[in-house]
Amino acid sequence: MTPEEQRKLLEDQIRRKLRNYRILNAHARKGQILFTGSSLMEMFPVTEIAASAGIGKIIYNRGIGGTTTDDFLREIDTVLLDLAPAKVFLNIGTNDMTDRIYGNQWKAHLLSNYEKILEIAREKLPETQIFCMAYYPTNHHVCDTPSARAMLKERTVENIRACNAGVEQLAKKYGYRYIDCNAGLADENGEQKAEFSIDGVHMYADAYEIVFQNLKQYL
């Protein structure tokens, strides 16, 4: 499959997910809990983990794999505002971490767009609590393929820490809470533990069980 074909396939998948979310949003209950972002959120089985833990709260997941902060802003009604949630857990921006799209200005672009998201949320959902989640660690040794190397090129330990620091500052600026749910995910080198890693970025459910334990106090 050519890069152009891959891009078209991803765009088709995103469109289908957005259509489904719009249908679901029409019947969703307002004032509940929302997890939203890109694939790292879409793959978080938070509703099932919460139910297994005996937590009966309504939790919606509007994560969409492959999306950037540009995509999130373009579709912010569907992935955030239409649900008018009481609490939002946000993890968006890892797909911005690439020089293929934004060159060496990718970090500035990511944080600028992240701030726009928080500005819109504060204006449109002034009573909503927002929890800005730290980006998860990555692992550069689990999957050694050209596509994996390209995906991980800018997602180094240092860059992720720098982005997390930027997100933390933005959360404080807008009166939201930054939460680091990464305790237990990283090895001694600060990289995602190999046993949790699917491809160096995405994680298996046992990693998300750790994330859930780290954030459940905020639900």
Protein backbone atom coordinates (compact mmCIF):
# COMPACT_ATOMS: atom_id res chain seq x y z
CA MET A 1 0.00 0.00 0.00
CA THR A 2 1.39 3.39 -0.97
CA PRO A 3 1.62 6.29 1.51
CA GLU A 4 -1.19 8.00 -0.38
CA GLU A 5 -3.39 4.91 -0.09
CA GLN A 6 -2.60 4.64 3.62
CA ARG A 7 -3.51 8.28 4.14
CA LYS A 8 -6.83 7.85 2.31
CA LEU A 9 -7.64 4.73 4.33
CA LEU A 10 -6.97 6.58 7.58
CA GLU A 11 -9.11 9.53 6.48
CA ASP A 12 -11.97 7.16 5.60
CA GLN A 13 -11.70 5.49 9.01
CA ILE A 14 -11.76 8.85 10.78
CA ARG A 15 -14.84 9.94 8.82
CA ARG A 16 -16.70 6.75 9.75
CA LYS A 17 -15.84 7.13 13.42
CA LEU A 18 -16.97 10.74 13.42
CA ARG A 19 -20.25 9.77 11.82
CA ASN A 20 -20.83 7.11 14.47
CA TYR A 21 -19.95 9.53 17.26
CA ARG A 22 -22.42 12.12 15.93
CA ILE A 23 -25.15 9.48 15.97
CA LEU A 24 -24.24 8.44 19.51
CA ASN A 25 -23.96 12.04 20.72
CA ALA A 26 -27.58 12.69 19.79
CA HIS A 27 -28.65 10.23 22.51
CA ALA A 28 -25.82 10.63 25.00
CA ARG A 29 -26.53 11.98 28.46
CA LYS A 30 -25.12 15.40 29.21
CA GLY A 31 -23.03 16.08 32.28
CA GLN A 32 -21.19 12.78 32.34
CA ILE A 33 -17.48 11.84 32.07
CA LEU A 34 -15.66 12.05 28.73
CA PHE A 35 -12.33 10.60 27.65
CA THR A 36 -11.23 12.11 24.35
CA GLY A 37 -8.16 12.40 22.13
CA SER A 38 -6.37 10.24 19.57
CA SER A 39 -5.66 6.50 19.36
CA LEU A 40 -4.05 6.37 22.82
CA MET A 41 -7.44 7.39 24.16
CA GLU A 42 -9.53 5.39 21.71
CA MET A 43 -7.67 2.22 22.77
CA PHE A 44 -8.22 2.91 26.48
CA PRO A 45 -10.94 0.44 27.59
CA VAL A 46 -11.87 2.80 30.38
CA THR A 47 -15.59 1.99 30.46
CA GLU A 48 -14.95 -1.73 30.89
CA ILE A 49 -12.16 -1.26 33.43
CA ALA A 50 -14.31 1.13 35.46
CA ALA A 51 -17.26 -1.26 35.39
CA SER A 52 -15.05 -4.15 36.50
CA ALA A 53 -13.85 -1.97 39.38
CA GLY A 54 -17.44 -1.42 40.47
CA ILE A 55 -17.59 2.20 39.35
CA GLY A 56 -21.07 2.85 38.05
CA LYS A 57 -20.50 6.27 36.50
CA ILE A 58 -21.29 6.90 32.84
CA ILE A 59 -18.07 7.25 30.87
CA TYR A 60 -17.95 8.08 27.17
CA ASN A 61 -14.88 7.61 24.95
CA ARG A 62 -14.52 9.78 21.86
CA GLY A 63 -10.90 9.02 20.98
CA ILE A 64 -10.09 8.71 17.27
CA GLY A 65 -6.90 7.06 16.08
CA GLY A 66 -4.65 9.03 13.76
CA THR A 67 -5.96 12.47 14.70
CA THR A 68 -3.85 15.54 15.38
CA THR A 69 -4.67 18.69 17.32
CA ASP A 70 -5.72 20.22 13.97
CA ASP A 71 -8.24 17.41 13.52
CA PHE A 72 -9.44 17.77 17.11
CA LEU A 73 -10.07 21.49 16.69
CA ARG A 74 -11.88 20.93 13.40
CA GLU A 75 -14.18 18.33 14.99
CA ILE A 76 -14.30 19.72 18.53
CA ASP A 77 -18.10 19.74 18.58
CA THR A 78 -18.27 15.99 17.96
CA VAL A 79 -15.38 14.89 20.16
CA LEU A 80 -16.01 17.27 23.07
CA LEU A 81 -18.57 20.07 23.10
CA ASP A 82 -21.74 18.22 22.03
CA LEU A 83 -21.54 15.96 25.08
CA ALA A 84 -21.40 18.91 27.53
CA PRO A 85 -19.54 16.68 30.01
CA ALA A 86 -19.02 17.39 33.69
CA LYS A 87 -15.46 16.06 33.46
CA VAL A 88 -13.09 15.69 30.51
CA PHE A 89 -9.91 13.63 30.38
CA LEU A 90 -7.87 14.89 27.44
CA ASN A 91 -4.98 13.19 25.64
CA ILE A 92 -4.38 14.73 22.23
CA GLY A 93 -1.19 15.76 20.45
CA THR A 94 1.05 12.71 20.07
CA ASN A 95 0.38 12.63 16.32
CA ASP A 96 1.68 16.21 16.13
CA MET A 97 5.06 14.94 17.29
CA THR A 98 6.56 14.61 13.84
CA ASP A 99 8.70 16.77 11.59
CA ARG A 100 7.02 15.24 8.54
CA ILE A 101 4.03 17.55 8.96
CA TYR A 102 5.19 20.57 10.92
CA GLY A 103 8.96 20.57 10.45
CA ASN A 104 11.04 21.68 13.41
CA GLN A 105 8.13 23.78 14.67
CA TRP A 106 6.00 20.77 15.57
CA LYS A 107 6.23 21.36 19.34
CA ALA A 108 5.17 24.99 19.07
CA HIS A 109 2.31 23.96 16.78
CA LEU A 110 1.17 21.26 19.22
CA LEU A 111 1.15 23.56 22.25
CA SER A 112 -0.47 26.43 20.34
CA ASN A 113 -3.33 24.19 19.24
CA TYR A 114 -3.60 22.63 22.71
CA GLU A 115 -4.08 26.12 24.11
CA LYS A 116 -6.80 26.82 21.53
CA ILE A 117 -8.61 23.67 22.70
CA LEU A 118 -8.49 24.85 26.31
CA GLU A 119 -9.63 28.34 25.32
CA ILE A 120 -12.67 26.94 23.50
CA ALA A 121 -13.47 24.60 26.36
CA ARG A 122 -13.33 27.40 28.91
CA GLU A 123 -15.61 29.58 26.76
CA LYS A 124 -18.13 26.91 25.76
CA LEU A 125 -18.04 24.68 28.85
CA PRO A 126 -17.21 27.01 31.76
CA GLU A 127 -18.46 24.57 34.42
CA THR A 128 -16.61 21.53 33.04
CA GLN A 129 -13.61 20.12 34.89
CA ILE A 130 -10.79 19.31 32.49
CA PHE A 131 -7.92 16.95 33.27
CA CYS A 132 -4.98 17.34 30.91
CA MET A 133 -3.28 13.96 30.84
CA ALA A 134 0.46 13.53 30.45
CA TYR A 135 1.63 11.89 27.24
CA TYR A 136 2.64 8.27 27.81
CA PRO A 137 6.23 7.05 27.47
CA THR A 138 7.29 5.32 24.26
CA ASN A 139 9.67 2.48 23.52
CA HIS A 140 12.16 2.68 20.64
CA HIS A 141 13.22 -0.97 20.69
CA VAL A 142 10.02 -3.03 20.61
CA CYS A 143 9.26 -2.64 16.91
CA ASP A 144 12.13 -2.02 14.49
CA THR A 145 10.44 -1.28 11.17
CA PRO A 146 10.67 1.78 8.90
CA SER A 147 7.13 2.87 9.84
CA ALA A 148 7.80 2.41 13.56
CA ARG A 149 11.07 4.34 13.34
CA ALA A 150 9.29 7.16 11.53
CA MET A 151 6.48 7.22 14.08
CA LEU A 152 8.91 7.31 17.00
CA LYS A 153 11.54 9.66 15.59
CA GLU A 154 10.40 12.72 17.52
CA ARG A 155 8.73 10.85 20.38
CA THR A 156 11.86 10.63 22.49
CA VAL A 157 11.95 10.61 26.27
CA GLU A 158 13.23 14.19 26.23
CA ASN A 159 10.62 15.48 23.78
CA ILE A 160 7.75 13.83 25.62
CA ARG A 161 8.94 15.32 28.90
CA ALA A 162 9.17 18.74 27.28
CA CYS A 163 5.67 18.45 25.84
CA ASN A 164 4.31 17.29 29.19
CA ALA A 165 5.88 20.32 30.83
CA GLY A 166 4.20 22.53 28.24
CA VAL A 167 0.82 20.91 28.77
CA GLU A 168 1.20 21.25 32.54
CA GLN A 169 1.86 24.97 32.17
CA LEU A 170 -1.19 25.41 29.94
CA ALA A 171 -3.39 23.51 32.38
CA LYS A 172 -2.32 25.84 35.20
CA LYS A 173 -2.84 28.91 33.01
CA TYR A 174 -6.47 27.99 32.33
CA GLY A 175 -7.28 26.70 35.80
CA TYR A 176 -7.42 23.03 34.84
CA ARG A 177 -5.65 20.06 36.39
CA TYR A 178 -2.66 18.33 34.81
CA ILE A 179 -2.42 14.67 35.77
CA ASP A 180 0.53 12.35 35.25
CA CYS A 181 -0.81 8.81 35.04
CA ASN A 182 2.49 7.30 33.94
CA ALA A 183 3.68 5.84 37.25
CA GLY A 184 4.40 2.16 36.61
CA LEU A 185 4.51 2.42 32.80
CA ALA A 186 8.19 3.23 32.28
CA ASP A 187 11.38 1.22 32.68
CA GLU A 188 14.64 2.40 34.25
CA ASN A 189 15.47 4.35 31.07
CA GLY A 190 12.19 6.24 31.08
CA GLU A 191 10.83 4.27 28.13
CA GLN A 192 7.54 2.40 27.94
CA LYS A 193 7.98 -1.07 29.45
CA ALA A 194 8.38 -3.61 26.66
CA GLU A 195 5.76 -5.95 28.12
CA PHE A 196 3.12 -3.21 27.83
CA SER A 197 4.04 -2.11 24.33
CA ILE A 198 2.31 -3.10 21.09
CA ASP A 199 4.42 -1.06 18.69
CA GLY A 200 6.45 1.33 20.81
CA VAL A 201 3.57 3.79 21.17
CA HIS A 202 0.29 1.96 21.70
CA MET A 203 -0.26 -0.17 24.79
CA TYR A 204 -1.99 -3.37 25.88
CA ALA A 205 -4.88 -3.37 28.33
CA ASP A 206 -2.72 -4.22 31.36
CA ALA A 207 -0.93 -0.87 30.89
CA TYR A 208 -4.29 0.89 30.80
CA GLU A 209 -5.28 -0.83 34.02
CA ILE A 210 -2.29 0.93 35.60
CA VAL A 211 -3.31 4.23 34.02
CA PHE A 212 -6.81 3.77 35.40
CA GLN A 213 -5.55 3.14 38.92
CA ASN A 214 -3.49 6.32 38.64
CA LEU A 215 -6.46 8.46 37.59
CA LYS A 216 -9.51 6.91 39.26
CA GLN A 217 -9.35 9.37 42.16
CA TYR A 218 -10.35 12.08 39.67
CA LEU A 219 -13.42 10.31 38.25
